[in-house]
PDB file of all heavy atoms in Angstrom:
ATOM      1  N   LEU A   1     132.807-128.535 151.588  1.00  0.00           N
ATOM      2  CA  LEU A   1     131.835-128.498 150.491  1.00  0.00           C
ATOM      3  C   LEU A   1     131.425-129.926 150.155  1.00  0.00           C
ATOM      4  O   LEU A   1     132.267-130.820 150.045  1.00  0.00           O
ATOM      5  CB  LEU A   1     132.437-127.841 149.241  1.00  0.00           C
ATOM      6  CG  LEU A   1     132.960-126.399 149.366  1.00  0.00           C
ATOM      7  CD1 LEU A   1     133.455-125.928 148.009  1.00  0.00           C
ATOM      8  CD2 LEU A   1     131.879-125.467 149.898  1.00  0.00           C
ATOM      9  N   ASP A   2     130.112-130.173 150.035  1.00  0.00           N
ATOM     10  CA  ASP A   2     129.621-131.450 149.522  1.00  0.00           C
ATOM     11  C   ASP A   2     129.640-131.410 148.004  1.00  0.00           C
ATOM     12  O   ASP A   2     129.441-130.352 147.398  1.00  0.00           O
ATOM     13  CB  ASP A   2     128.184-131.699 150.006  1.00  0.00           C
ATOM     14  CG  ASP A   2     128.104-131.858 151.516  1.00  0.00           C
ATOM     15  OD1 ASP A   2     129.006-132.489 152.087  1.00  0.00           O
ATOM     16  OD2 ASP A   2     127.138-131.352 152.109  1.00  0.00           O
ATOM     17  N   TRP A   3     129.905-132.551 147.362  1.00  0.00           N
ATOM     18  CA  TRP A   3     129.911-132.577 145.912  1.00  0.00           C
ATOM     19  C   TRP A   3     129.272-133.872 145.402  1.00  0.00           C
ATOM     20  O   TRP A   3     129.203-134.875 146.115  1.00  0.00           O
ATOM     21  CB  TRP A   3     131.321-132.434 145.336  1.00  0.00           C
ATOM     22  CG  TRP A   3     132.276-133.542 145.694  1.00  0.00           C
ATOM     23  CD1 TRP A   3     133.067-133.633 146.782  1.00  0.00           C
ATOM     24  CD2 TRP A   3     132.525-134.737 144.922  1.00  0.00           C
ATOM     25  NE1 TRP A   3     133.796-134.795 146.759  1.00  0.00           N
ATOM     26  CE2 TRP A   3     133.486-135.500 145.629  1.00  0.00           C
ATOM     27  CE3 TRP A   3     132.043-135.232 143.726  1.00  0.00           C
ATOM     28  CZ2 TRP A   3     133.959-136.723 145.169  1.00  0.00           C
ATOM     29  CZ3 TRP A   3     132.503-136.457 143.248  1.00  0.00           C
ATOM     30  CH2 TRP A   3     133.459-137.184 143.975  1.00  0.00           C
ATOM     31  N   ALA A   4     128.802-133.826 144.177  1.00  0.00           N
ATOM     32  CA  ALA A   4     128.273-134.999 143.482  1.00  0.00           C
ATOM     33  C   ALA A   4     128.686-134.896 142.023  1.00  0.00           C
ATOM     34  O   ALA A   4     129.264-133.893 141.592  1.00  0.00           O
ATOM     35  CB  ALA A   4     126.752-135.079 143.614  1.00  0.00           C
ATOM     36  N   ILE A   5     128.402-135.924 141.258  1.00  0.00           N
ATOM     37  CA  ILE A   5     128.828-135.962 139.868  1.00  0.00           C
ATOM     38  C   ILE A   5     127.606-136.072 138.965  1.00  0.00           C
ATOM     39  O   ILE A   5     126.516-136.421 139.421  1.00  0.00           O
ATOM     40  CB  ILE A   5     129.800-137.152 139.646  1.00  0.00           C
ATOM     41  CG1 ILE A   5     130.755-136.882 138.484  1.00  0.00           C
ATOM     42  CG2 ILE A   5     129.057-138.456 139.479  1.00  0.00           C
ATOM     43  CD1 ILE A   5     131.980-137.748 138.517  1.00  0.00           C
ATOM     44  N   GLY A   6     127.775-135.717 137.700  1.00  0.00           N
ATOM     45  CA  GLY A   6     126.688-135.900 136.745  1.00  0.00           C
ATOM     46  C   GLY A   6     125.799-134.706 136.541  1.00  0.00           C
ATOM     47  O   GLY A   6     124.704-134.832 135.996  1.00  0.00           O
ATOM     48  N   GLY A   7     126.212-133.523 137.020  1.00  0.00           N
ATOM     49  CA  GLY A   7     125.360-132.349 136.875  1.00  0.00           C
ATOM     50  C   GLY A   7     124.113-132.512 137.721  1.00  0.00           C
ATOM     51  O   GLY A   7     124.181-132.809 138.895  1.00  0.00           O
ATOM     52  N   ASP A   8     122.941-132.351 137.099  1.00  0.00           N
ATOM     53  CA  ASP A   8     121.685-132.525 137.831  1.00  0.00           C
ATOM     54  C   ASP A   8     121.003-133.841 137.478  1.00  0.00           C
ATOM     55  O   ASP A   8     119.822-134.043 137.754  1.00  0.00           O
ATOM     56  CB  ASP A   8     120.738-131.359 137.570  1.00  0.00           C
ATOM     57  CG  ASP A   8     120.447-131.191 136.078  1.00  0.00           C
ATOM     58  OD1 ASP A   8     121.043-131.925 135.260  1.00  0.00           O
ATOM     59  OD2 ASP A   8     119.630-130.313 135.740  1.00  0.00           O
ATOM     60  N   LYS A   9     121.750-134.791 136.882  1.00  0.00           N
ATOM     61  CA  LYS A   9     121.176-136.069 136.485  1.00  0.00           C
ATOM     62  C   LYS A   9     121.081-137.017 137.677  1.00  0.00           C
ATOM     63  O   LYS A   9     121.944-137.039 138.539  1.00  0.00           O
ATOM     64  CB  LYS A   9     122.026-136.725 135.387  1.00  0.00           C
ATOM     65  CG  LYS A   9     121.987-136.005 134.061  1.00  0.00           C
ATOM     66  CD  LYS A   9     122.815-136.759 133.018  1.00  0.00           C
ATOM     67  CE  LYS A   9     122.773-136.048 131.661  1.00  0.00           C
ATOM     68  NZ  LYS A   9     123.595-136.759 130.660  1.00  0.00           N
ATOM     69  N   THR A  10     120.022-137.827 137.676  1.00  0.00           N
ATOM     70  CA  THR A  10     119.900-138.898 138.654  1.00  0.00           C
ATOM     71  C   THR A  10     120.615-140.140 138.123  1.00  0.00           C
ATOM     72  O   THR A  10     121.041-140.175 136.953  1.00  0.00           O
ATOM     73  CB  THR A  10     118.427-139.225 138.913  1.00  0.00           C
ATOM     74  OG1 THR A  10     117.843-139.734 137.696  1.00  0.00           O
ATOM     75  CG2 THR A  10     117.669-137.990 139.374  1.00  0.00           C
ATOM     76  N   CYS A  11     120.740-141.169 138.960  1.00  0.00           N
ATOM     77  CA  CYS A  11     121.371-142.413 138.514  1.00  0.00           C
ATOM     78  C   CYS A  11     120.629-143.007 137.320  1.00  0.00           C
ATOM     79  O   CYS A  11     121.248-143.456 136.341  1.00  0.00           O
ATOM     80  CB  CYS A  11     121.379-143.434 139.660  1.00  0.00           C
ATOM     81  SG  CYS A  11     122.507-143.034 141.011  1.00  0.00           S
ATOM     82  N   GLU A  12     119.294-143.001 137.396  1.00  0.00           N
ATOM     83  CA  GLU A  12     118.485-143.587 136.328  1.00  0.00           C
ATOM     84  C   GLU A  12     118.685-142.843 135.003  1.00  0.00           C
ATOM     85  O   GLU A  12     118.775-143.466 133.936  1.00  0.00           O
ATOM     86  CB  GLU A  12     116.997-143.562 136.715  1.00  0.00           C
ATOM     87  CG  GLU A  12     116.648-144.417 137.915  1.00  0.00           C
ATOM     88  CD  GLU A  12     117.089-143.828 139.243  1.00  0.00           C
ATOM     89  OE1 GLU A  12     117.361-142.596 139.280  1.00  0.00           O
ATOM     90  OE2 GLU A  12     117.182-144.581 140.219  1.00  0.00           O
ATOM     91  N   GLU A  13     118.817-141.531 135.073  1.00  0.00           N
ATOM     92  CA  GLU A  13     119.020-140.731 133.863  1.00  0.00           C
ATOM     93  C   GLU A  13     120.425-140.900 133.323  1.00  0.00           C
ATOM     94  O   GLU A  13     120.635-141.016 132.103  1.00  0.00           O
ATOM     95  CB  GLU A  13     118.750-139.257 134.164  1.00  0.00           C
ATOM     96  CG  GLU A  13     117.289-138.961 134.496  1.00  0.00           C
ATOM     97  CD  GLU A  13     117.086-137.555 135.039  1.00  0.00           C
ATOM     98  OE1 GLU A  13     118.079-136.957 135.537  1.00  0.00           O
ATOM     99  OE2 GLU A  13     115.952-137.054 134.976  1.00  0.00           O
ATOM    100  N   ALA A  14     121.415-140.938 134.211  1.00  0.00           N
ATOM    101  CA  ALA A  14     122.814-141.039 133.774  1.00  0.00           C
ATOM    102  C   ALA A  14     123.128-142.393 133.169  1.00  0.00           C
ATOM    103  O   ALA A  14     123.940-142.503 132.230  1.00  0.00           O
ATOM    104  CB  ALA A  14     123.731-140.764 134.962  1.00  0.00           C
ATOM    105  N   GLU A  15     122.505-143.467 133.665  1.00  0.00           N
ATOM    106  CA  GLU A  15     122.795-144.823 133.170  1.00  0.00           C
ATOM    107  C   GLU A  15     122.326-145.040 131.734  1.00  0.00           C
ATOM    108  O   GLU A  15     122.734-146.001 131.089  1.00  0.00           O
ATOM    109  CB  GLU A  15     122.135-145.851 134.086  1.00  0.00           C
ATOM    110  CG  GLU A  15     122.859-146.011 135.416  1.00  0.00           C
ATOM    111  CD  GLU A  15     122.139-146.962 136.357  1.00  0.00           C
ATOM    112  OE1 GLU A  15     120.934-147.230 136.108  1.00  0.00           O
ATOM    113  OE2 GLU A  15     122.761-147.430 137.313  1.00  0.00           O
ATOM    114  N   LYS A  16     121.470-144.148 131.223  1.00  0.00           N
ATOM    115  CA  LYS A  16     120.992-144.278 129.843  1.00  0.00           C
ATOM    116  C   LYS A  16     122.098-144.016 128.832  1.00  0.00           C
ATOM    117  O   LYS A  16     122.044-144.481 127.700  1.00  0.00           O
ATOM    118  CB  LYS A  16     119.826-143.315 129.604  1.00  0.00           C
ATOM    119  CG  LYS A  16     118.581-143.655 130.410  1.00  0.00           C
ATOM    120  CD  LYS A  16     117.471-142.633 130.190  1.00  0.00           C
ATOM    121  CE  LYS A  16     116.240-142.968 131.026  1.00  0.00           C
ATOM    122  NZ  LYS A  16     115.156-141.967 130.856  1.00  0.00           N
ATOM    123  N   ASP A  17     123.129-143.262 129.217  1.00  0.00           N
ATOM    124  CA  ASP A  17     124.259-142.977 128.326  1.00  0.00           C
ATOM    125  C   ASP A  17     125.525-143.487 128.998  1.00  0.00           C
ATOM    126  O   ASP A  17     126.158-142.799 129.800  1.00  0.00           O
ATOM    127  CB  ASP A  17     124.363-141.472 128.065  1.00  0.00           C
ATOM    128  CG  ASP A  17     125.427-141.138 127.018  1.00  0.00           C
ATOM    129  OD1 ASP A  17     126.107-142.081 126.552  1.00  0.00           O
ATOM    130  OD2 ASP A  17     125.579-139.948 126.690  1.00  0.00           O
ATOM    131  N   LEU A  18     125.901-144.728 128.698  1.00  0.00           N
ATOM    132  CA  LEU A  18     127.048-145.352 129.364  1.00  0.00           C
ATOM    133  C   LEU A  18     128.372-144.696 128.989  1.00  0.00           C
ATOM    134  O   LEU A  18     129.373-144.879 129.682  1.00  0.00           O
ATOM    135  CB  LEU A  18     127.095-146.849 129.027  1.00  0.00           C
ATOM    136  CG  LEU A  18     125.913-147.682 129.547  1.00  0.00           C
ATOM    137  CD1 LEU A  18     126.069-149.142 129.152  1.00  0.00           C
ATOM    138  CD2 LEU A  18     125.805-147.547 131.061  1.00  0.00           C
ATOM    139  N   SER A  19     128.395-143.934 127.864  1.00  0.00           N
ATOM    140  CA  SER A  19     129.648-143.282 127.459  1.00  0.00           C
ATOM    141  C   SER A  19     130.027-142.158 128.420  1.00  0.00           C
ATOM    142  O   SER A  19     131.199-141.789 128.531  1.00  0.00           O
ATOM    143  CB  SER A  19     129.534-142.734 126.028  1.00  0.00           C
ATOM    144  OG  SER A  19     128.519-141.716 125.959  1.00  0.00           O
ATOM    145  N   THR A  20     129.044-141.591 129.108  1.00  0.00           N
ATOM    146  CA  THR A  20     129.324-140.511 130.062  1.00  0.00           C
ATOM    147  C   THR A  20     129.019-140.913 131.498  1.00  0.00           C
ATOM    148  O   THR A  20     129.256-140.130 132.418  1.00  0.00           O
ATOM    149  CB  THR A  20     128.497-139.257 129.715  1.00  0.00           C
ATOM    150  OG1 THR A  20     127.091-139.589 129.761  1.00  0.00           O
ATOM    151  CG2 THR A  20     128.863-138.732 128.337  1.00  0.00           C
ATOM    152  N   PHE A  21     128.480-142.121 131.709  1.00  0.00           N
ATOM    153  CA  PHE A  21     128.146-142.580 133.062  1.00  0.00           C
ATOM    154  C   PHE A  21     129.429-142.765 133.867  1.00  0.00           C
ATOM    155  O   PHE A  21     130.375-143.421 133.426  1.00  0.00           O
ATOM    156  CB  PHE A  21     127.366-143.880 132.971  1.00  0.00           C
ATOM    157  CG  PHE A  21     126.850-144.374 134.294  1.00  0.00           C
ATOM    158  CD1 PHE A  21     126.137-143.539 135.141  1.00  0.00           C
ATOM    159  CD2 PHE A  21     127.081-145.692 134.689  1.00  0.00           C
ATOM    160  CE1 PHE A  21     125.652-143.999 136.359  1.00  0.00           C
ATOM    161  CE2 PHE A  21     126.597-146.158 135.898  1.00  0.00           C
ATOM    162  CZ  PHE A  21     125.893-145.305 136.742  1.00  0.00           C
ATOM    163  N   ALA A  22     129.483-142.190 135.035  1.00  0.00           N
ATOM    164  CA  ALA A  22     130.737-142.137 135.802  1.00  0.00           C
ATOM    165  C   ALA A  22     131.042-143.416 136.565  1.00  0.00           C
ATOM    166  O   ALA A  22     132.212-143.730 136.820  1.00  0.00           O
ATOM    167  CB  ALA A  22     130.697-140.955 136.785  1.00  0.00           C
ATOM    168  N   CYS A  23     130.046-144.181 136.985  1.00  0.00           N
ATOM    169  CA  CYS A  23     130.280-145.364 137.818  1.00  0.00           C
ATOM    170  C   CYS A  23     130.825-146.514 136.985  1.00  0.00           C
ATOM    171  O   CYS A  23     130.212-146.923 135.999  1.00  0.00           O
ATOM    172  CB  CYS A  23     128.998-145.793 138.528  1.00  0.00           C
ATOM    173  SG  CYS A  23     128.299-144.532 139.623  1.00  0.00           S
ATOM    174  N   GLN A  24     131.964-147.055 137.390  1.00  0.00           N
ATOM    175  CA  GLN A  24     132.633-148.116 136.646  1.00  0.00           C
ATOM    176  C   GLN A  24     132.206-149.494 137.177  1.00  0.00           C
ATOM    177  O   GLN A  24     131.305-149.613 138.005  1.00  0.00           O
ATOM    178  CB  GLN A  24     134.148-147.932 136.752  1.00  0.00           C
ATOM    179  CG  GLN A  24     134.643-146.602 136.232  1.00  0.00           C
ATOM    180  CD  GLN A  24     134.374-146.399 134.753  1.00  0.00           C
ATOM    181  OE1 GLN A  24     134.628-147.284 133.935  1.00  0.00           O
ATOM    182  NE2 GLN A  24     133.836-145.238 134.397  1.00  0.00           N
ATOM    183  N   ASN A  25     132.885-150.535 136.705  1.00  0.00           N
ATOM    184  CA  ASN A  25     132.535-151.922 137.065  1.00  0.00           C
ATOM    185  C   ASN A  25     132.614-152.139 138.581  1.00  0.00           C
ATOM    186  O   ASN A  25     133.419-151.524 139.288  1.00  0.00           O
ATOM    187  CB  ASN A  25     133.476-152.903 136.368  1.00  0.00           C
ATOM    188  CG  ASN A  25     133.297-152.884 134.854  1.00  0.00           C
ATOM    189  OD1 ASN A  25     132.212-152.568 134.361  1.00  0.00           O
ATOM    190  ND2 ASN A  25     134.349-153.210 134.124  1.00  0.00           N
ATOM    191  N   ASN A  26     131.759-153.038 139.047  1.00  0.00           N
ATOM    192  CA  ASN A  26     131.737-153.444 140.463  1.00  0.00           C
ATOM    193  C   ASN A  26     131.468-152.270 141.400  1.00  0.00           C
ATOM    194  O   ASN A  26     132.046-152.183 142.486  1.00  0.00           O
ATOM    195  CB  ASN A  26     133.058-154.120 140.856  1.00  0.00           C
ATOM    196  CG  ASN A  26     133.415-155.267 139.940  1.00  0.00           C
ATOM    197  OD1 ASN A  26     132.556-156.079 139.588  1.00  0.00           O
ATOM    198  ND2 ASN A  26     134.678-155.338 139.528  1.00  0.00           N
ATOM    199  N   SER A  27     130.608-151.353 140.952  1.00  0.00           N
ATOM    200  CA  SER A  27     130.257-150.209 141.801  1.00  0.00           C
ATOM    201  C   SER A  27     128.755-149.987 141.772  1.00  0.00           C
ATOM    202  O   SER A  27     128.055-150.494 140.900  1.00  0.00           O
ATOM    203  CB  SER A  27     130.988-148.945 141.340  1.00  0.00           C
ATOM    204  OG  SER A  27     130.524-148.534 140.066  1.00  0.00           O
ATOM    205  N   ASN A  28     128.268-149.238 142.766  1.00  0.00           N
ATOM    206  CA  ASN A  28     126.849-148.902 142.867  1.00  0.00           C
ATOM    207  C   ASN A  28     126.655-147.414 142.678  1.00  0.00           C
ATOM    208  O   ASN A  28     127.514-146.606 143.029  1.00  0.00           O
ATOM    209  CB  ASN A  28     126.300-149.313 144.240  1.00  0.00           C
ATOM    210  CG  ASN A  28     126.436-150.802 144.490  1.00  0.00           C
ATOM    211  OD1 ASN A  28     126.186-151.616 143.603  1.00  0.00           O
ATOM    212  ND2 ASN A  28     126.839-151.166 145.704  1.00  0.00           N
ATOM    213  N   CYS A  29     125.495-147.045 142.153  1.00  0.00           N
ATOM    214  CA  CYS A  29     125.146-145.637 141.964  1.00  0.00           C
ATOM    215  C   CYS A  29     124.007-145.293 142.919  1.00  0.00           C
ATOM    216  O   CYS A  29     123.052-146.056 143.058  1.00  0.00           O
ATOM    217  CB  CYS A  29     124.718-145.382 140.517  1.00  0.00           C
ATOM    218  SG  CYS A  29     124.225-143.657 140.194  1.00  0.00           S
ATOM    219  N   ARG A  30     124.122-144.162 143.613  1.00  0.00           N
ATOM    220  CA  ARG A  30     123.024-143.678 144.456  1.00  0.00           C
ATOM    221  C   ARG A  30     122.866-142.184 144.254  1.00  0.00           C
ATOM    222  O   ARG A  30     123.851-141.461 144.049  1.00  0.00           O
ATOM    223  CB  ARG A  30     123.271-144.000 145.933  1.00  0.00           C
ATOM    224  CG  ARG A  30     124.453-143.313 146.542  1.00  0.00           C
ATOM    225  CD  ARG A  30     124.519-143.594 148.038  1.00  0.00           C
ATOM    226  NE  ARG A  30     125.721-143.041 148.646  1.00  0.00           N
ATOM    227  CZ  ARG A  30     125.830-141.787 149.042  1.00  0.00           C
ATOM    228  NH1 ARG A  30     124.806-140.954 148.887  1.00  0.00           N
ATOM    229  NH2 ARG A  30     126.954-141.344 149.592  1.00  0.00           N
ATOM    230  N   ASN A  31     121.640-141.715 144.318  1.00  0.00           N
ATOM    231  CA  ASN A  31     121.364-140.294 144.161  1.00  0.00           C
ATOM    232  C   ASN A  31     121.789-139.545 145.412  1.00  0.00           C
ATOM    233  O   ASN A  31     121.516-139.977 146.533  1.00  0.00           O
ATOM    234  CB  ASN A  31     119.873-140.069 143.901  1.00  0.00           C
ATOM    235  CG  ASN A  31     119.418-140.676 142.580  1.00  0.00           C
ATOM    236  OD1 ASN A  31     120.145-140.629 141.590  1.00  0.00           O
ATOM    237  ND2 ASN A  31     118.236-141.260 142.574  1.00  0.00           N
ATOM    238  N   SER A  32     122.477-138.419 145.215  1.00  0.00           N
ATOM    239  CA  SER A  32     122.948-137.626 146.341  1.00  0.00           C
ATOM    240  C   SER A  32     121.776-136.918 147.007  1.00  0.00           C
ATOM    241  O   SER A  32     120.883-136.406 146.335  1.00  0.00           O
ATOM    242  CB  SER A  32     123.985-136.595 145.875  1.00  0.00           C
ATOM    243  OG  SER A  32     124.324-135.721 146.934  1.00  0.00           O
ATOM    244  N   ASP A  33     121.766-136.896 148.347  1.00  0.00           N
ATOM    245  CA  ASP A  33     120.727-136.179 149.080  1.00  0.00           C
ATOM    246  C   ASP A  33     121.197-134.796 149.524  1.00  0.00           C
ATOM    247  O   ASP A  33     120.485-134.098 150.243  1.00  0.00           O
ATOM    248  CB  ASP A  33     120.291-136.983 150.309  1.00  0.00           C
ATOM    249  CG  ASP A  33     121.447-137.262 151.252  1.00  0.00           C
ATOM    250  OD1 ASP A  33     122.616-136.997 150.872  1.00  0.00           O
ATOM    251  OD2 ASP A  33     121.189-137.739 152.369  1.00  0.00           O
ATOM    252  N   LYS A  34     122.398-134.395 149.059  1.00  0.00           N
ATOM    253  CA  LYS A  34     122.953-133.099 149.451  1.00  0.00           C
ATOM    254  C   LYS A  34     123.126-132.148 148.268  1.00  0.00           C
ATOM    255  O   LYS A  34     122.968-130.940 148.399  1.00  0.00           O
ATOM    256  CB  LYS A  34     124.308-133.299 150.133  1.00  0.00           C
ATOM    257  CG  LYS A  34     124.231-134.122 151.407  1.00  0.00           C
ATOM    258  CD  LYS A  34     125.617-134.334 151.994  1.00  0.00           C
ATOM    259  CE  LYS A  34     125.539-135.175 153.255  1.00  0.00           C
ATOM    260  NZ  LYS A  34     126.886-135.433 153.841  1.00  0.00           N
ATOM    261  N   VAL A  35     123.488-132.723 147.115  1.00  0.00           N
ATOM    262  CA  VAL A  35     123.793-131.931 145.923  1.00  0.00           C
ATOM    263  C   VAL A  35     123.082-132.575 144.739  1.00  0.00           C
ATOM    264  O   VAL A  35     122.989-133.798 144.667  1.00  0.00           O
ATOM    265  CB  VAL A  35     125.321-131.905 145.658  1.00  0.00           C
ATOM    266  CG1 VAL A  35     125.659-130.924 144.548  1.00  0.00           C
ATOM    267  CG2 VAL A  35     126.084-131.573 146.911  1.00  0.00           C
ATOM    268  N   PRO A  36     122.566-131.803 143.775  1.00  0.00           N
ATOM    269  CA  PRO A  36     122.001-132.405 142.563  1.00  0.00           C
ATOM    270  C   PRO A  36     123.052-133.267 141.866  1.00  0.00           C
ATOM    271  O   PRO A  36     124.179-132.825 141.634  1.00  0.00           O
ATOM    272  CB  PRO A  36     121.607-131.191 141.708  1.00  0.00           C
ATOM    273  CG  PRO A  36     121.387-130.091 142.694  1.00  0.00           C
ATOM    274  CD  PRO A  36     122.386-130.320 143.783  1.00  0.00           C
ATOM    275  N   GLY A  37     122.716-134.505 141.520  1.00  0.00           N
ATOM    276  CA  GLY A  37     123.671-135.413 140.909  1.00  0.00           C
ATOM    277  C   GLY A  37     123.671-136.754 141.615  1.00  0.00           C
ATOM    278  O   GLY A  37     122.768-137.078 142.389  1.00  0.00           O
ATOM    279  N   TYR A  38     124.690-137.560 141.349  1.00  0.00           N
ATOM    280  CA  TYR A  38     124.736-138.901 141.932  1.00  0.00           C
ATOM    281  C   TYR A  38     126.150-139.204 142.446  1.00  0.00           C
ATOM    282  O   TYR A  38     127.116-138.506 142.151  1.00  0.00           O
ATOM    283  CB  TYR A  38     124.295-139.959 140.920  1.00  0.00           C
ATOM    284  CG  TYR A  38     125.122-140.025 139.654  1.00  0.00           C
ATOM    285  CD1 TYR A  38     126.236-140.857 139.555  1.00  0.00           C
ATOM    286  CD2 TYR A  38     124.778-139.267 138.530  1.00  0.00           C
ATOM    287  CE1 TYR A  38     126.990-140.932 138.389  1.00  0.00           C
ATOM    288  CE2 TYR A  38     125.508-139.336 137.361  1.00  0.00           C
ATOM    289  CZ  TYR A  38     126.624-140.166 137.291  1.00  0.00           C
ATOM    290  OH  TYR A  38     127.371-140.228 136.144  1.00  0.00           O
ATOM    291  N   ILE A  39     126.233-140.286 143.231  1.00  0.00           N
ATOM    292  CA  ILE A  39     127.478-140.697 143.872  1.00  0.00           C
ATOM    293  C   ILE A  39     127.748-142.154 143.516  1.00  0.00           C
ATOM    294  O   ILE A  39     126.819-142.973 143.465  1.00  0.00           O
ATOM    295  CB  ILE A  39     127.381-140.559 145.411  1.00  0.00           C
ATOM    296  CG1 ILE A  39     127.111-139.112 145.798  1.00  0.00           C
ATOM    297  CG2 ILE A  39     128.643-141.066 146.087  1.00  0.00           C
ATOM    298  CD1 ILE A  39     128.197-138.147 145.431  1.00  0.00           C
ATOM    299  N   CYS A  40     129.029-142.490 143.273  1.00  0.00           N
ATOM    300  CA  CYS A  40     129.428-143.866 142.991  1.00  0.00           C
ATOM    301  C   CYS A  40     130.178-144.443 144.184  1.00  0.00           C
ATOM    302  O   CYS A  40     131.044-143.775 144.756  1.00  0.00           O
ATOM    303  CB  CYS A  40     130.320-143.943 141.749  1.00  0.00           C
ATOM    304  SG  CYS A  40     129.584-143.219 140.258  1.00  0.00           S
ATOM    305  N   THR A  41     129.854-145.683 144.564  1.00  0.00           N
ATOM    306  CA  THR A  41     130.564-146.364 145.653  1.00  0.00           C
ATOM    307  C   THR A  41     130.850-147.800 145.238  1.00  0.00           C
ATOM    308  O   THR A  41     130.102-148.401 144.450  1.00  0.00           O
ATOM    309  CB  THR A  41     129.730-146.379 146.948  1.00  0.00           C
ATOM    310  OG1 THR A  41     128.454-146.994 146.685  1.00  0.00           O
ATOM    311  CG2 THR A  41     129.509-144.970 147.483  1.00  0.00           C
TER     312      THR A  41
END
């Protein structure tokens, strides 16, 4: 199963609320091309 985080939010939408944004320091956010949501690396 492929998975992503953030429900159906994109990186740009999720970054507006840092209290729920999943990507921590020294990481990048990219929109998943498999599942609605985003991925942190």
